[in-house]
């Protein structure tokens, strides 16, 4: 199973667990590279949200909380079953 999140990240299910994959440039195209592994889909989704928060530009508690809201909205849109597409 592949769950596209945005143009650069997706969550992929494997027989041994779940991986966050990131798109990397490769020659004249791109490839997907697993960057973190998790035991459940819920852990992978939460892990991606935490990754985005840790790498955000937030400098204050207020801006970090606004970033959390943005991340939740982005993940919710990506995982909405009404607009979900297999890729």
N, C-alpha and C. Protein backbone atom coordinates (compact mmCIF):
# COMPACT_ATOMS: atom_id res chain seq x y z
N UNK A 1 0.84 -1.17 0.00
CA UNK A 1 0.00 0.00 0.00
C UNK A 1 0.89 1.24 0.00
N UNK A 2 0.52 2.21 -0.82
CA UNK A 2 1.23 3.49 -0.85
C UNK A 2 0.24 4.61 -0.58
N UNK A 3 0.53 5.41 0.42
CA UNK A 3 -0.31 6.54 0.78
C UNK A 3 0.43 7.83 0.46
N UNK A 4 0.12 8.47 -0.67
CA UNK A 4 0.79 9.73 -0.98
C UNK A 4 0.36 10.82 -0.02
N UNK A 5 1.32 11.55 0.50
CA UNK A 5 1.03 12.63 1.44
C UNK A 5 1.17 13.98 0.74
N UNK A 6 2.29 14.18 0.07
CA UNK A 6 2.48 15.37 -0.76
C UNK A 6 3.47 14.99 -1.86
N UNK A 7 4.02 15.98 -2.56
CA UNK A 7 4.93 15.68 -3.66
C UNK A 7 6.26 15.08 -3.21
N UNK A 8 6.59 15.23 -1.94
CA UNK A 8 7.90 14.77 -1.46
C UNK A 8 7.86 13.62 -0.46
N UNK A 9 6.70 13.33 0.10
CA UNK A 9 6.60 12.27 1.11
C UNK A 9 5.44 11.34 0.82
N UNK A 10 5.62 10.09 1.20
CA UNK A 10 4.55 9.11 1.17
C UNK A 10 4.80 8.10 2.28
N UNK A 11 3.75 7.38 2.64
CA UNK A 11 3.85 6.31 3.63
C UNK A 11 3.55 5.01 2.90
N UNK A 12 4.43 4.04 3.09
CA UNK A 12 4.33 2.78 2.35
C UNK A 12 4.26 1.62 3.33
N UNK A 13 3.31 0.72 3.08
CA UNK A 13 3.18 -0.47 3.90
C UNK A 13 3.99 -1.62 3.31
N UNK A 14 4.70 -2.31 4.16
CA UNK A 14 5.48 -3.49 3.79
C UNK A 14 5.04 -4.64 4.68
N UNK A 15 5.47 -5.84 4.36
CA UNK A 15 5.10 -6.99 5.18
C UNK A 15 5.63 -6.86 6.60
N UNK A 16 6.72 -6.13 6.79
CA UNK A 16 7.33 -6.01 8.13
C UNK A 16 6.97 -4.72 8.85
N UNK A 17 6.19 -3.84 8.25
CA UNK A 17 5.83 -2.60 8.91
C UNK A 17 5.53 -1.49 7.91
N UNK A 18 5.71 -0.26 8.37
CA UNK A 18 5.41 0.94 7.58
C UNK A 18 6.65 1.82 7.49
N UNK A 19 6.81 2.49 6.35
CA UNK A 19 7.95 3.38 6.16
C UNK A 19 7.48 4.75 5.68
N UNK A 20 8.15 5.79 6.17
CA UNK A 20 8.03 7.11 5.58
C UNK A 20 9.07 7.15 4.48
N UNK A 21 8.64 7.46 3.27
CA UNK A 21 9.57 7.57 2.16
C UNK A 21 9.61 9.02 1.68
N UNK A 22 10.82 9.44 1.29
CA UNK A 22 11.03 10.80 0.78
C UNK A 22 11.54 10.71 -0.65
N UNK A 23 11.04 11.59 -1.49
CA UNK A 23 11.48 11.63 -2.88
C UNK A 23 12.86 12.29 -2.95
N UNK A 24 13.78 11.63 -3.62
CA UNK A 24 15.14 12.14 -3.78
C UNK A 24 15.47 12.26 -5.27
N UNK A 25 16.22 13.30 -5.65
CA UNK A 25 16.66 13.39 -7.04
C UNK A 25 17.57 12.21 -7.37
N UNK A 26 17.42 11.69 -8.55
CA UNK A 26 18.25 10.57 -8.99
C UNK A 26 18.45 10.68 -10.49
N UNK A 27 19.68 10.96 -10.88
CA UNK A 27 20.03 11.19 -12.29
C UNK A 27 19.08 12.23 -12.87
N UNK A 28 18.33 11.90 -13.90
CA UNK A 28 17.41 12.88 -14.49
C UNK A 28 15.97 12.68 -14.03
N UNK A 29 15.78 11.89 -13.00
CA UNK A 29 14.43 11.61 -12.50
C UNK A 29 14.46 11.67 -10.97
N UNK A 30 13.76 10.79 -10.32
CA UNK A 30 13.77 10.73 -8.86
C UNK A 30 13.58 9.29 -8.42
N UNK A 31 13.84 9.05 -7.14
CA UNK A 31 13.54 7.75 -6.54
C UNK A 31 13.02 8.01 -5.13
N UNK A 32 12.30 7.04 -4.60
CA UNK A 32 11.78 7.13 -3.23
C UNK A 32 12.71 6.37 -2.31
N UNK A 33 13.04 7.00 -1.19
CA UNK A 33 13.95 6.41 -0.22
C UNK A 33 13.28 6.35 1.15
N UNK A 34 13.26 5.17 1.77
CA UNK A 34 12.71 5.04 3.12
C UNK A 34 13.64 5.76 4.10
N UNK A 35 13.05 6.65 4.91
CA UNK A 35 13.87 7.40 5.87
C UNK A 35 13.58 7.02 7.32
N UNK A 36 12.41 6.45 7.59
CA UNK A 36 12.05 6.00 8.94
C UNK A 36 11.11 4.82 8.82
N UNK A 37 11.24 3.88 9.76
CA UNK A 37 10.40 2.68 9.80
C UNK A 37 9.57 2.67 11.07
N UNK A 38 8.34 2.15 10.97
CA UNK A 38 7.42 2.08 12.11
C UNK A 38 6.66 0.76 12.09
N UNK A 39 6.14 0.38 13.25
CA UNK A 39 5.40 -0.87 13.37
C UNK A 39 3.94 -0.76 12.97
N UNK A 40 3.38 0.47 12.99
CA UNK A 40 1.97 0.64 12.64
C UNK A 40 1.79 1.88 11.77
N UNK A 41 0.67 1.91 11.07
CA UNK A 41 0.34 3.07 10.24
C UNK A 41 0.19 4.32 11.10
N UNK A 42 -0.46 4.20 12.23
CA UNK A 42 -0.64 5.34 13.13
C UNK A 42 0.71 5.92 13.56
N UNK A 43 1.67 5.05 13.89
CA UNK A 43 2.99 5.53 14.28
C UNK A 43 3.68 6.25 13.12
N UNK A 44 3.51 5.75 11.90
CA UNK A 44 4.14 6.38 10.74
C UNK A 44 3.56 7.76 10.48
N UNK A 45 2.24 7.88 10.57
CA UNK A 45 1.60 9.19 10.36
C UNK A 45 2.06 10.17 11.43
N UNK A 46 2.05 9.73 12.69
CA UNK A 46 2.52 10.61 13.78
C UNK A 46 4.00 10.95 13.61
N UNK A 47 4.79 9.99 13.15
CA UNK A 47 6.21 10.22 12.94
C UNK A 47 6.47 11.27 11.87
N UNK A 48 5.68 11.23 10.80
CA UNK A 48 5.84 12.24 9.74
C UNK A 48 5.46 13.62 10.26
N UNK A 49 4.39 13.70 11.03
CA UNK A 49 4.00 14.98 11.61
C UNK A 49 5.09 15.53 12.52
N UNK A 50 5.67 14.66 13.35
CA UNK A 50 6.75 15.11 14.24
C UNK A 50 7.98 15.54 13.44
N UNK A 51 8.28 14.83 12.37
CA UNK A 51 9.42 15.21 11.51
C UNK A 51 9.20 16.60 10.93
N UNK A 52 8.01 16.85 10.40
CA UNK A 52 7.71 18.17 9.84
C UNK A 52 7.80 19.26 10.90
N UNK A 53 7.32 18.97 12.11
CA UNK A 53 7.39 19.98 13.17
C UNK A 53 8.84 20.26 13.56
N UNK A 54 9.64 19.21 13.72
CA UNK A 54 11.05 19.40 14.11
C UNK A 54 11.84 20.17 13.06
N UNK A 55 11.48 20.03 11.80
CA UNK A 55 12.23 20.69 10.73
C UNK A 55 11.56 21.98 10.26
N UNK A 56 10.54 22.44 10.99
CA UNK A 56 9.87 23.68 10.62
C UNK A 56 10.72 24.89 11.02
N UNK A 57 10.28 26.05 10.58
CA UNK A 57 10.97 27.29 10.90
C UNK A 57 10.41 27.97 12.15
N UNK A 58 9.57 27.27 12.92
CA UNK A 58 8.95 27.87 14.11
C UNK A 58 10.02 28.31 15.10
N UNK A 59 9.86 29.53 15.61
CA UNK A 59 10.82 30.09 16.57
C UNK A 59 10.20 30.37 17.93
N UNK A 60 8.87 30.37 18.00
CA UNK A 60 8.18 30.64 19.26
C UNK A 60 7.15 29.55 19.50
N UNK A 61 6.66 29.48 20.72
CA UNK A 61 5.61 28.51 21.03
C UNK A 61 4.38 28.77 20.18
N UNK A 62 4.03 30.02 20.01
CA UNK A 62 2.86 30.37 19.20
C UNK A 62 3.02 29.90 17.75
N UNK A 63 4.19 30.15 17.16
CA UNK A 63 4.38 29.72 15.77
C UNK A 63 4.47 28.20 15.67
N UNK A 64 4.97 27.53 16.71
CA UNK A 64 5.01 26.06 16.72
C UNK A 64 3.59 25.50 16.77
N UNK A 65 2.72 26.11 17.58
CA UNK A 65 1.33 25.64 17.65
C UNK A 65 0.60 25.88 16.34
N UNK A 66 0.89 26.99 15.68
CA UNK A 66 0.29 27.24 14.36
C UNK A 66 0.79 26.21 13.35
N UNK A 67 2.05 25.84 13.46
CA UNK A 67 2.62 24.82 12.58
C UNK A 67 1.97 23.46 12.83
N UNK A 68 1.70 23.14 14.08
CA UNK A 68 1.00 21.88 14.41
C UNK A 68 -0.37 21.86 13.73
N UNK A 69 -1.10 22.95 13.80
CA UNK A 69 -2.41 23.03 13.14
C UNK A 69 -2.28 22.83 11.64
N UNK A 70 -1.26 23.44 11.03
CA UNK A 70 -1.05 23.31 9.59
C UNK A 70 -0.72 21.86 9.22
N UNK A 71 0.13 21.22 10.03
CA UNK A 71 0.53 19.84 9.77
C UNK A 71 -0.67 18.90 9.89
N UNK A 72 -1.49 19.10 10.92
CA UNK A 72 -2.68 18.26 11.09
C UNK A 72 -3.61 18.41 9.90
N UNK A 73 -3.81 19.63 9.45
CA UNK A 73 -4.68 19.85 8.29
C UNK A 73 -4.11 19.19 7.03
N UNK A 74 -2.81 19.30 6.85
CA UNK A 74 -2.18 18.71 5.67
C UNK A 74 -2.30 17.18 5.69
N UNK A 75 -2.03 16.57 6.82
CA UNK A 75 -2.16 15.11 6.92
C UNK A 75 -3.61 14.67 6.77
N UNK A 76 -4.53 15.43 7.33
CA UNK A 76 -5.96 15.09 7.21
C UNK A 76 -6.41 15.13 5.76
N UNK A 77 -6.00 16.16 5.03
CA UNK A 77 -6.36 16.24 3.60
C UNK A 77 -5.77 15.08 2.82
N UNK A 78 -4.51 14.75 3.10
CA UNK A 78 -3.83 13.69 2.35
C UNK A 78 -4.47 12.33 2.61
N UNK A 79 -4.97 12.11 3.82
CA UNK A 79 -5.51 10.81 4.19
C UNK A 79 -7.03 10.74 4.09
N UNK A 80 -7.66 11.80 3.59
CA UNK A 80 -9.11 11.84 3.42
C UNK A 80 -9.51 10.78 2.39
N UNK A 81 -10.35 9.84 2.77
CA UNK A 81 -10.70 8.73 1.87
C UNK A 81 -11.50 9.18 0.67
N UNK A 82 -12.18 10.33 0.73
CA UNK A 82 -12.96 10.79 -0.41
C UNK A 82 -12.09 11.25 -1.57
N UNK A 83 -10.88 11.71 -1.28
CA UNK A 83 -10.01 12.20 -2.35
C UNK A 83 -8.76 11.34 -2.49
N UNK A 84 -8.76 10.18 -1.86
CA UNK A 84 -7.57 9.30 -1.89
C UNK A 84 -7.39 8.69 -3.26
N UNK A 85 -6.15 8.67 -3.75
CA UNK A 85 -5.80 8.06 -5.03
C UNK A 85 -4.62 7.14 -4.83
N UNK A 86 -4.67 5.98 -5.47
CA UNK A 86 -3.50 5.09 -5.44
C UNK A 86 -2.49 5.57 -6.45
N UNK A 87 -1.21 5.57 -6.08
CA UNK A 87 -0.14 5.98 -7.01
C UNK A 87 0.90 4.91 -7.06
